[in-house]
C-alpha atoms as a PDB file:
ATOM      1  CA  MET A   1     -76.851-267.410 -88.201  1.00  0.00           C
ATOM      2  CA  SER A   2     -74.265-266.409 -85.586  1.00  0.00           C
ATOM      3  CA  TYR A   3     -74.764-264.410 -82.402  1.00  0.00           C
ATOM      4  CA  THR A   4     -72.601-263.226 -79.489  1.00  0.00           C
ATOM      5  CA  THR A   5     -72.782-265.036 -76.186  1.00  0.00           C
ATOM      6  CA  GLU A   6     -70.103-263.101 -74.289  1.00  0.00           C
ATOM      7  CA  LEU A   7     -69.305-259.416 -74.076  1.00  0.00           C
ATOM      8  CA  ILE A   8     -65.797-258.092 -74.287  1.00  0.00           C
ATOM      9  CA  ALA A   9     -64.549-257.100 -70.855  1.00  0.00           C
ATOM     10  CA  PRO A  10     -64.073-253.363 -70.364  1.00  0.00           C
ATOM     11  CA  ARG A  11     -60.540-252.191 -70.866  1.00  0.00           C
ATOM     12  CA  PRO A  12     -58.830-249.007 -69.710  1.00  0.00           C
ATOM     13  CA  ALA A  13     -58.233-246.255 -72.221  1.00  0.00           C
ATOM     14  CA  PRO A  14     -54.921-246.471 -74.026  1.00  0.00           C
ATOM     15  CA  VAL A  15     -52.111-244.484 -72.482  1.00  0.00           C
ATOM     16  CA  MET A  16     -51.460-241.322 -74.407  1.00  0.00           C
ATOM     17  CA  PRO A  17     -47.826-240.894 -75.351  1.00  0.00           C
ATOM     18  CA  PRO A  18     -46.208-237.821 -73.780  1.00  0.00           C
ATOM     19  CA  LYS A  19     -46.219-234.806 -76.035  1.00  0.00           C
ATOM     20  CA  PRO A  20     -42.788-233.612 -77.041  1.00  0.00           C
ATOM     21  CA  PRO A  21     -41.842-230.182 -75.684  1.00  0.00           C
ATOM     22  CA  THR A  22     -42.318-227.344 -78.130  1.00  0.00           C
ATOM     23  CA  ALA A  23     -40.811-223.876 -78.243  1.00  0.00           C
ATOM     24  CA  SER A  24     -44.147-222.182 -77.481  1.00  0.00           C
ATOM     25  CA  ARG A  25     -44.735-224.438 -74.471  1.00  0.00           C
ATOM     26  CA  LEU A  26     -41.271-223.734 -73.097  1.00  0.00           C
ATOM     27  CA  ILE A  27     -41.798-220.000 -73.528  1.00  0.00           C
ATOM     28  CA  GLY A  28     -45.127-220.296 -71.714  1.00  0.00           C
ATOM     29  CA  TYR A  29     -43.552-222.173 -68.815  1.00  0.00           C
ATOM     30  CA  ALA A  30     -40.795-219.569 -68.618  1.00  0.00           C
ATOM     31  CA  GLY A  31     -43.355-216.774 -68.548  1.00  0.00           C
ATOM     32  CA  LEU A  32     -45.331-218.470 -65.768  1.00  0.00           C
ATOM     33  CA  ALA A  33     -42.161-218.996 -63.780  1.00  0.00           C
ATOM     34  CA  LEU A  34     -41.242-215.328 -64.212  1.00  0.00           C
ATOM     35  CA  TRP A  35     -44.662-214.176 -63.002  1.00  0.00           C
ATOM     36  CA  ALA A  36     -44.488-216.577 -60.039  1.00  0.00           C
ATOM     37  CA  LEU A  37     -41.049-215.250 -59.146  1.00  0.00           C
ATOM     38  CA  LEU A  38     -42.298-211.678 -59.361  1.00  0.00           C
ATOM     39  CA  ALA A  39     -45.294-212.474 -57.128  1.00  0.00           C
ATOM     40  CA  LEU A  40     -43.062-214.143 -54.561  1.00  0.00           C
ATOM     41  CA  SER A  41     -40.682-211.181 -54.631  1.00  0.00           C
ATOM     42  CA  LEU A  42     -43.512-208.728 -54.015  1.00  0.00           C
ATOM     43  CA  ALA A  43     -44.869-210.874 -51.190  1.00  0.00           C
ATOM     44  CA  TYR A  44     -41.404-211.065 -49.616  1.00  0.00           C
ATOM     45  CA  MET A  45     -40.927-207.299 -49.832  1.00  0.00           C
ATOM     46  CA  MET A  46     -44.330-206.674 -48.256  1.00  0.00           C
ATOM     47  CA  VAL A  47     -43.567-209.030 -45.377  1.00  0.00           C
ATOM     48  CA  SER A  48     -39.962-207.939 -44.847  1.00  0.00           C
ATOM     49  CA  ASN A  49     -40.807-204.211 -44.939  1.00  0.00           C
ATOM     50  CA  TRP A  50     -43.882-204.501 -42.737  1.00  0.00           C
ATOM     51  CA  ASP A  51     -44.343-201.416 -40.562  1.00  0.00           C
ATOM     52  CA  THR A  52     -46.877-201.845 -37.784  1.00  0.00           C
ATOM     53  CA  ASP A  53     -47.015-198.117 -37.026  1.00  0.00           C
ATOM     54  CA  LYS A  54     -47.987-197.271 -40.611  1.00  0.00           C
ATOM     55  CA  PHE A  55     -50.573-200.052 -40.635  1.00  0.00           C
ATOM     56  CA  VAL A  56     -52.202-198.782 -37.438  1.00  0.00           C
ATOM     57  CA  LYS A  57     -52.108-195.166 -38.614  1.00  0.00           C
ATOM     58  CA  TYR A  58     -53.232-195.541 -42.238  1.00  0.00           C
ATOM     59  CA  GLY A  59     -55.089-198.868 -42.189  1.00  0.00           C
ATOM     60  CA  PRO A  60     -58.420-197.261 -41.191  1.00  0.00           C
ATOM     61  CA  ARG A  61     -58.007-194.828 -44.087  1.00  0.00           C
ATOM     62  CA  TYR A  62     -57.772-197.733 -46.531  1.00  0.00           C
ATOM     63  CA  LEU A  63     -60.934-199.269 -45.093  1.00  0.00           C
ATOM     64  CA  SER A  64     -62.731-195.929 -45.338  1.00  0.00           C
ATOM     65  CA  GLY A  65     -61.595-195.545 -48.958  1.00  0.00           C
ATOM     66  CA  LEU A  66     -62.673-199.098 -49.695  1.00  0.00           C
ATOM     67  CA  TRP A  67     -66.174-198.328 -48.416  1.00  0.00           C
ATOM     68  CA  VAL A  68     -66.370-195.158 -50.532  1.00  0.00           C
ATOM     69  CA  THR A  69     -65.265-197.095 -53.623  1.00  0.00           C
ATOM     70  CA  ALA A  70     -67.806-199.863 -53.033  1.00  0.00           C
ATOM     71  CA  THR A  71     -70.734-197.496 -52.451  1.00  0.00           C
ATOM     72  CA  LEU A  72     -69.777-195.337 -55.428  1.00  0.00           C
ATOM     73  CA  VAL A  73     -69.428-198.269 -57.812  1.00  0.00           C
ATOM     74  CA  PHE A  74     -72.552-200.168 -56.860  1.00  0.00           C
ATOM     75  CA  ALA A  75     -74.693-197.029 -56.632  1.00  0.00           C
ATOM     76  CA  SER A  76     -73.576-195.987 -60.118  1.00  0.00           C
ATOM     77  CA  ILE A  77     -74.204-199.508 -61.443  1.00  0.00           C
ATOM     78  CA  PHE A  78     -77.740-199.486 -60.007  1.00  0.00           C
ATOM     79  CA  PHE A  79     -78.684-196.019 -61.275  1.00  0.00           C
ATOM     80  CA  GLY A  80     -76.964-196.784 -64.580  1.00  0.00           C
ATOM     81  CA  ALA A  81     -79.085-199.920 -64.979  1.00  0.00           C
ATOM     82  CA  VAL A  82     -82.252-197.884 -64.394  1.00  0.00           C
ATOM     83  CA  LEU A  83     -81.139-195.239 -66.891  1.00  0.00           C
ATOM     84  CA  SER A  84     -79.994-197.785 -69.468  1.00  0.00           C
ATOM     85  CA  MET A  85     -83.465-199.258 -70.016  1.00  0.00           C
ATOM     86  CA  PRO A  86     -85.082-196.215 -71.685  1.00  0.00           C
ATOM     87  CA  ILE A  87     -81.859-195.602 -73.624  1.00  0.00           C
ATOM     88  CA  ALA A  88     -81.866-199.182 -74.915  1.00  0.00           C
ATOM     89  CA  PHE A  89     -85.536-198.934 -75.894  1.00  0.00           C
ATOM     90  CA  ALA A  90     -84.840-195.641 -77.665  1.00  0.00           C
ATOM     91  CA  ARG A  91     -81.947-197.292 -79.543  1.00  0.00           C
ATOM     92  CA  MET A  92     -84.361-199.974 -80.772  1.00  0.00           C
ATOM     93  CA  SER A  93     -87.143-197.501 -81.512  1.00  0.00           C
ATOM     94  CA  LYS A  94     -88.251-196.803 -85.082  1.00  0.00           C
ATOM     95  CA  ASN A  95     -88.653-193.150 -84.162  1.00  0.00           C
ATOM     96  CA  ARG A  96     -85.725-191.404 -85.825  1.00  0.00           C
ATOM     97  CA  VAL A  97     -85.531-188.613 -83.250  1.00  0.00           C
ATOM     98  CA  LEU A  98     -85.379-190.972 -80.253  1.00  0.00           C
ATOM     99  CA  ASN A  99     -82.968-193.239 -82.069  1.00  0.00           C
ATOM    100  CA  ALA A 100     -80.665-190.344 -83.000  1.00  0.00           C
ATOM    101  CA  ILE A 101     -80.647-188.882 -79.466  1.00  0.00           C
ATOM    102  CA  SER A 102     -79.928-192.238 -77.822  1.00  0.00           C
ATOM    103  CA  TYR A 103     -77.271-193.049 -80.423  1.00  0.00           C
ATOM    104  CA  ALA A 104     -75.547-189.713 -79.786  1.00  0.00           C
ATOM    105  CA  TYR A 105     -75.635-190.315 -76.021  1.00  0.00           C
ATOM    106  CA  VAL A 106     -74.120-193.773 -76.317  1.00  0.00           C
ATOM    107  CA  TYR A 107     -71.575-192.596 -78.878  1.00  0.00           C
ATOM    108  CA  VAL A 108     -70.339-189.722 -76.717  1.00  0.00           C
ATOM    109  CA  PHE A 109     -70.135-191.541 -73.392  1.00  0.00           C
ATOM    110  CA  ARG A 110     -68.570-194.671 -74.850  1.00  0.00           C
ATOM    111  CA  GLY A 111     -66.176-192.729 -77.063  1.00  0.00           C
ATOM    112  CA  THR A 112     -64.720-190.371 -74.439  1.00  0.00           C
ATOM    113  CA  PRO A 113     -62.661-191.240 -71.345  1.00  0.00           C
ATOM    114  CA  LEU A 114     -64.347-191.391 -67.972  1.00  0.00           C
ATOM    115  CA  LEU A 115     -61.720-188.986 -66.638  1.00  0.00           C
ATOM    116  CA  ALA A 116     -62.710-186.320 -69.185  1.00  0.00           C
ATOM    117  CA  GLN A 117     -66.379-186.775 -68.287  1.00  0.00           C
ATOM    118  CA  ILE A 118     -65.631-186.279 -64.589  1.00  0.00           C
ATOM    119  CA  TYR A 119     -63.655-183.107 -65.352  1.00  0.00           C
ATOM    120  CA  LEU A 120     -66.462-181.739 -67.526  1.00  0.00           C
ATOM    121  CA  ILE A 121     -69.102-182.368 -64.856  1.00  0.00           C
ATOM    122  CA  TYR A 122     -67.082-181.299 -61.804  1.00  0.00           C
ATOM    123  CA  TYR A 123     -65.115-178.358 -63.226  1.00  0.00           C
ATOM    124  CA  GLY A 124     -67.157-177.553 -66.348  1.00  0.00           C
ATOM    125  CA  LEU A 125     -70.571-177.262 -64.711  1.00  0.00           C
ATOM    126  CA  GLY A 126     -68.998-175.349 -61.842  1.00  0.00           C
ATOM    127  CA  SER A 127     -68.529-172.400 -64.184  1.00  0.00           C
ATOM    128  CA  PHE A 128     -72.331-172.163 -64.444  1.00  0.00           C
ATOM    129  CA  ARG A 129     -72.789-171.742 -60.706  1.00  0.00           C
ATOM    130  CA  PRO A 130     -75.267-168.822 -60.868  1.00  0.00           C
ATOM    131  CA  GLN A 131     -77.558-170.704 -63.229  1.00  0.00           C
ATOM    132  CA  ILE A 132     -77.303-173.906 -61.209  1.00  0.00           C
ATOM    133  CA  GLU A 133     -78.014-172.015 -57.973  1.00  0.00           C
ATOM    134  CA  ALA A 134     -81.089-170.509 -59.628  1.00  0.00           C
ATOM    135  CA  LEU A 135     -82.313-174.043 -60.272  1.00  0.00           C
ATOM    136  CA  GLY A 136     -81.566-175.047 -56.680  1.00  0.00           C
ATOM    137  CA  LEU A 137     -79.104-177.781 -57.691  1.00  0.00           C
ATOM    138  CA  TRP A 138     -75.849-176.295 -56.464  1.00  0.00           C
ATOM    139  CA  TRP A 139     -75.968-178.509 -53.361  1.00  0.00           C
ATOM    140  CA  PHE A 140     -75.501-181.456 -55.732  1.00  0.00           C
ATOM    141  CA  PHE A 141     -72.828-180.126 -58.082  1.00  0.00           C
ATOM    142  CA  ARG A 142     -70.652-178.571 -55.377  1.00  0.00           C
ATOM    143  CA  GLU A 143     -69.915-181.994 -53.897  1.00  0.00           C
ATOM    144  CA  ALA A 144     -67.208-184.028 -55.619  1.00  0.00           C
ATOM    145  CA  TRP A 145     -68.813-187.328 -54.584  1.00  0.00           C
ATOM    146  CA  TYR A 146     -72.104-186.489 -56.279  1.00  0.00           C
ATOM    147  CA  CYS A 147     -70.325-185.326 -59.434  1.00  0.00           C
ATOM    148  CA  ALA A 148     -68.325-188.560 -59.524  1.00  0.00           C
ATOM    149  CA  LEU A 149     -71.515-190.574 -59.013  1.00  0.00           C
ATOM    150  CA  LEU A 150     -73.270-188.697 -61.832  1.00  0.00           C
ATOM    151  CA  SER A 151     -70.400-189.124 -64.287  1.00  0.00           C
ATOM    152  CA  MET A 152     -69.968-192.819 -63.500  1.00  0.00           C
ATOM    153  CA  THR A 153     -73.727-193.393 -63.756  1.00  0.00           C
ATOM    154  CA  MET A 154     -73.980-191.714 -67.149  1.00  0.00           C
ATOM    155  CA  ASN A 155     -70.908-193.571 -68.378  1.00  0.00           C
ATOM    156  CA  THR A 156     -72.025-197.028 -67.343  1.00  0.00           C
ATOM    157  CA  ALA A 157     -75.583-196.349 -68.541  1.00  0.00           C
ATOM    158  CA  ALA A 158     -74.259-196.032 -72.091  1.00  0.00           C
ATOM    159  CA  TYR A 159     -72.455-199.369 -71.868  1.00  0.00           C
ATOM    160  CA  GLN A 160     -75.329-201.132 -70.135  1.00  0.00           C
ATOM    161  CA  ALA A 161     -77.776-199.822 -72.733  1.00  0.00           C
ATOM    162  CA  GLU A 162     -75.755-201.450 -75.504  1.00  0.00           C
ATOM    163  CA  ILE A 163     -75.463-204.684 -73.517  1.00  0.00           C
ATOM    164  CA  LEU A 164     -79.214-204.757 -72.937  1.00  0.00           C
ATOM    165  CA  ARG A 165     -80.030-203.863 -76.528  1.00  0.00           C
ATOM    166  CA  GLY A 166     -77.794-206.602 -77.906  1.00  0.00           C
ATOM    167  CA  ALA A 167     -79.205-209.158 -75.466  1.00  0.00           C
ATOM    168  CA  ILE A 168     -82.824-208.310 -76.336  1.00  0.00           C
ATOM    169  CA  GLN A 169     -82.130-208.484 -80.063  1.00  0.00           C
ATOM    170  CA  SER A 170     -80.450-211.871 -79.609  1.00  0.00           C
ATOM    171  CA  VAL A 171     -83.756-213.486 -78.535  1.00  0.00           C
ATOM    172  CA  PRO A 172     -85.118-215.402 -81.562  1.00  0.00           C
ATOM    173  CA  ASN A 173     -88.195-213.979 -83.280  1.00  0.00           C
ATOM    174  CA  GLY A 174     -89.825-217.381 -82.857  1.00  0.00           C
ATOM    175  CA  GLN A 175     -90.283-216.602 -79.163  1.00  0.00           C
ATOM    176  CA  ILE A 176     -92.317-213.507 -80.019  1.00  0.00           C
ATOM    177  CA  GLU A 177     -94.338-215.350 -82.650  1.00  0.00           C
ATOM    178  CA  GLY A 178     -95.098-218.133 -80.182  1.00  0.00           C
ATOM    179  CA  ALA A 179     -96.290-215.588 -77.613  1.00  0.00           C
ATOM    180  CA  LYS A 180     -98.547-213.953 -80.203  1.00  0.00           C
ATOM    181  CA  SER A 181    -100.027-217.340 -81.108  1.00  0.00           C
ATOM    182  CA  LEU A 182    -100.967-217.786 -77.437  1.00  0.00           C
ATOM    183  CA  GLY A 183    -102.662-214.394 -77.375  1.00  0.00           C
ATOM    184  CA  LEU A 184    -100.201-212.825 -74.906  1.00  0.00           C
ATOM    185  CA  SER A 185     -99.950-209.057 -74.751  1.00  0.00           C
ATOM    186  CA  ARG A 186     -96.762-207.252 -75.718  1.00  0.00           C
ATOM    187  CA  PHE A 187     -96.173-206.271 -72.094  1.00  0.00           C
ATOM    188  CA  VAL A 188     -96.427-209.852 -70.834  1.00  0.00           C
ATOM    189  CA  THR A 189     -94.363-211.108 -73.774  1.00  0.00           C
ATOM    190  CA  PHE A 190     -91.550-208.719 -72.971  1.00  0.00           C
ATOM    191  CA  TRP A 191     -91.453-209.157 -69.182  1.00  0.00           C
ATOM    192  CA  LYS A 192     -92.146-212.891 -69.044  1.00  0.00           C
ATOM    193  CA  ILE A 193     -90.476-214.227 -72.205  1.00  0.00           C
ATOM    194  CA  ILE A 194     -88.032-211.829 -73.843  1.00  0.00           C
ATOM    195  CA  LEU A 195     -86.411-210.081 -70.858  1.00  0.00           C
ATOM    196  CA  PRO A 196     -85.582-213.251 -68.820  1.00  0.00           C
ATOM    197  CA  GLN A 197     -83.837-214.790 -71.829  1.00  0.00           C
ATOM    198  CA  ALA A 198     -82.069-211.527 -72.634  1.00  0.00           C
ATOM    199  CA  LEU A 199     -80.751-211.137 -69.089  1.00  0.00           C
ATOM    200  CA  ILE A 200     -79.219-214.604 -69.216  1.00  0.00           C
ATOM    201  CA  VAL A 201     -77.364-213.613 -72.368  1.00  0.00           C
ATOM    202  CA  ALA A 202     -76.308-210.313 -70.757  1.00  0.00           C
ATOM    203  CA  LEU A 203     -75.078-211.823 -67.486  1.00  0.00           C
ATOM    204  CA  ARG A 204     -71.435-212.124 -68.453  1.00  0.00           C
ATOM    205  CA  PRO A 205     -71.183-208.701 -70.162  1.00  0.00           C
ATOM    206  CA  TYR A 206     -72.810-207.151 -67.093  1.00  0.00           C
ATOM    207  CA  GLY A 207     -70.197-208.820 -64.903  1.00  0.00           C
ATOM    208  CA  ASN A 208     -67.427-207.454 -67.111  1.00  0.00           C
ATOM    209  CA  GLU A 209     -68.938-203.977 -66.878  1.00  0.00           C
ATOM    210  CA  ILE A 210     -69.006-204.112 -63.080  1.00  0.00           C
ATOM    211  CA  VAL A 211     -65.350-205.173 -62.998  1.00  0.00           C
ATOM    212  CA  LEU A 212     -64.421-202.351 -65.370  1.00  0.00           C
ATOM    213  CA  MET A 213     -66.276-199.855 -63.201  1.00  0.00           C
ATOM    214  CA  ILE A 214     -64.476-201.072 -60.081  1.00  0.00           C
ATOM    215  CA  LYS A 215     -61.113-200.475 -61.740  1.00  0.00           C
ATOM    216  CA  GLY A 216     -62.221-197.278 -63.467  1.00  0.00           C
ATOM    217  CA  SER A 217     -63.478-195.774 -60.211  1.00  0.00           C
ATOM    218  CA  ALA A 218     -59.876-195.000 -59.283  1.00  0.00           C
ATOM    219  CA  VAL A 219     -60.006-191.855 -61.449  1.00  0.00           C
ATOM    220  CA  VAL A 220     -62.470-190.127 -59.082  1.00  0.00           C
ATOM    221  CA  ALA A 221     -59.515-189.408 -56.793  1.00  0.00           C
ATOM    222  CA  VAL A 222     -58.508-186.569 -59.138  1.00  0.00           C
ATOM    223  CA  VAL A 223     -61.561-184.556 -58.045  1.00  0.00           C
ATOM    224  CA  THR A 224     -60.749-184.921 -54.318  1.00  0.00           C
ATOM    225  CA  VAL A 225     -62.982-187.932 -53.653  1.00  0.00           C
ATOM    226  CA  LEU A 226     -61.241-189.928 -50.939  1.00  0.00           C
ATOM    227  CA  ASP A 227     -61.963-193.370 -52.313  1.00  0.00           C
ATOM    228  CA  LEU A 228     -59.454-196.198 -52.111  1.00  0.00           C
ATOM    229  CA  MET A 229     -57.093-194.540 -54.590  1.00  0.00           C
ATOM    230  CA  GLY A 230     -57.611-191.137 -52.958  1.00  0.00           C
ATOM    231  CA  GLN A 231     -56.625-192.513 -49.553  1.00  0.00           C
ATOM    232  CA  THR A 232     -53.668-194.247 -51.189  1.00  0.00           C
ATOM    233  CA  ARG A 233     -52.453-190.963 -52.658  1.00  0.00           C
ATOM    234  CA  TYR A 234     -52.832-189.333 -49.248  1.00  0.00           C
ATOM    235  CA  THR A 235     -50.855-192.123 -47.577  1.00  0.00           C
ATOM    236  CA  PHE A 236     -48.079-191.932 -50.157  1.00  0.00           C
ATOM    237  CA  SER A 237     -47.842-188.153 -49.804  1.00  0.00           C
ATOM    238  CA  ARG A 238     -47.196-188.637 -46.064  1.00  0.00           C
ATOM    239  CA  THR A 239     -44.918-191.681 -46.147  1.00  0.00           C
ATOM    240  CA  PHE A 240     -43.342-191.720 -49.654  1.00  0.00           C
ATOM    241  CA  ASP A 241     -43.529-195.505 -49.385  1.00  0.00           C
ATOM    242  CA  TYR A 242     -44.250-197.288 -52.686  1.00  0.00           C
ATOM    243  CA  GLN A 243     -46.015-200.044 -50.746  1.00  0.00           C
ATOM    244  CA  ALA A 244     -48.969-197.682 -50.344  1.00  0.00           C
ATOM    245  CA  TYR A 245     -49.828-198.291 -54.006  1.00  0.00           C
ATOM    246  CA  LEU A 246     -48.950-201.953 -53.709  1.00  0.00           C
ATOM    247  CA  TRP A 247     -51.529-202.396 -50.961  1.00  0.00           C
ATOM    248  CA  ALA A 248     -54.068-200.512 -53.069  1.00  0.00           C
ATOM    249  CA  ALA A 249     -53.434-202.954 -55.902  1.00  0.00           C
ATOM    250  CA  VAL A 250     -53.996-205.856 -53.499  1.00  0.00           C
ATOM    251  CA  PHE A 251     -57.313-204.341 -52.396  1.00  0.00           C
ATOM    252  CA  TYR A 252     -58.491-203.788 -55.971  1.00  0.00           C
ATOM    253  CA  LEU A 253     -57.432-207.298 -56.943  1.00  0.00           C
ATOM    254  CA  SER A 254     -59.316-208.731 -53.966  1.00  0.00           C
ATOM    255  CA  ILE A 255     -62.481-206.819 -54.862  1.00  0.00           C
ATOM    256  CA  VAL A 256     -62.348-207.893 -58.502  1.00  0.00           C
ATOM    257  CA  GLU A 257     -61.618-211.516 -57.642  1.00  0.00           C
ATOM    258  CA  THR A 258     -64.454-211.618 -55.101  1.00  0.00           C
ATOM    259  CA  MET A 259     -66.824-210.063 -57.614  1.00  0.00           C
ATOM    260  CA  ARG A 260     -65.733-212.542 -60.276  1.00  0.00           C
ATOM    261  CA  HIS A 261     -66.492-215.553 -58.076  1.00  0.00           C
ATOM    262  CA  VAL A 262     -69.827-214.128 -56.904  1.00  0.00           C
ATOM    263  CA  TRP A 263     -70.881-213.423 -60.480  1.00  0.00           C
ATOM    264  CA  ALA A 264     -69.745-216.867 -61.642  1.00  0.00           C
ATOM    265  CA  ALA A 265     -71.835-218.488 -58.889  1.00  0.00           C
ATOM    266  CA  LEU A 266     -74.824-216.333 -59.840  1.00  0.00           C
ATOM    267  CA  GLU A 267     -74.430-217.239 -63.502  1.00  0.00           C
ATOM    268  CA  ALA A 268     -74.159-220.943 -62.681  1.00  0.00           C
ATOM    269  CA  ARG A 269     -77.300-220.703 -60.551  1.00  0.00           C
ATOM    270  CA  LEU A 270     -79.391-218.870 -63.145  1.00  0.00           C
ATOM    271  CA  THR A 271     -78.252-221.017 -66.083  1.00  0.00           C
ATOM    272  CA  ARG A 272     -78.421-224.403 -64.348  1.00  0.00           C
ATOM    273  CA  HIS A 273     -81.309-225.448 -66.614  1.00  0.00           C
ATOM    274  CA  LEU A 274     -79.085-224.996 -69.675  1.00  0.00           C
ATOM    275  CA  LYS A 275     -76.430-227.491 -68.616  1.00  0.00           C
ATOM    276  CA  ARG A 276     -76.324-230.768 -70.504  1.00  0.00           C
END
């Protein structure tokens, strides 16, 4: 009978031979170089054409538009989340009437452009001014900001309802059966077992929806809301300088990138127990 008395000393991993260059890799490197060159060119133009007078005059307008954009987006996301819950429950309901109404709502608001919805609410409902005044709601529909908030809320509610519905239905039935075996009520089962798991699944789609709403909010400028894009249009109409839109793009990119990192940190925090 033989046995080992010494262990083999640890050795470094073998050196991987360099991969030969391929056509797709060369094309990728060329594309990255082109994008880097374009970014450097834009940065150079912004620095070389810097106008302090324009910055002092129109800079506060950009900050004001940025605040309007942020409040509009996050208010619509909040109210849309509240509205999406009954819509999602109606979509999962066995009641044919509730299911049909919620399906029609989601179908219409997901299948039509946000711009068309804003036009229909701002200009379309304005043609019913006498009826709206009789209801005492004209103070709401005469303001472009409120109309933009309503249209964005109804739009994102349709998307969030589908996100929530898909996340809830992704929870295994075994979780519900286990809760029933413990004698838990349906209310406790939903709020303590199903919903926490569903929200973890929905985290990334919710983040994507917020990013899409940030970029989509630019269309509210067409109904005279002076958000970031509205202030940009005003600045361009006074200066005819293309850099007005370039700075707007930088602001939007900064918002989206900040939101992406915040959401990634939140997701990492809430899913830390799932890491292996």
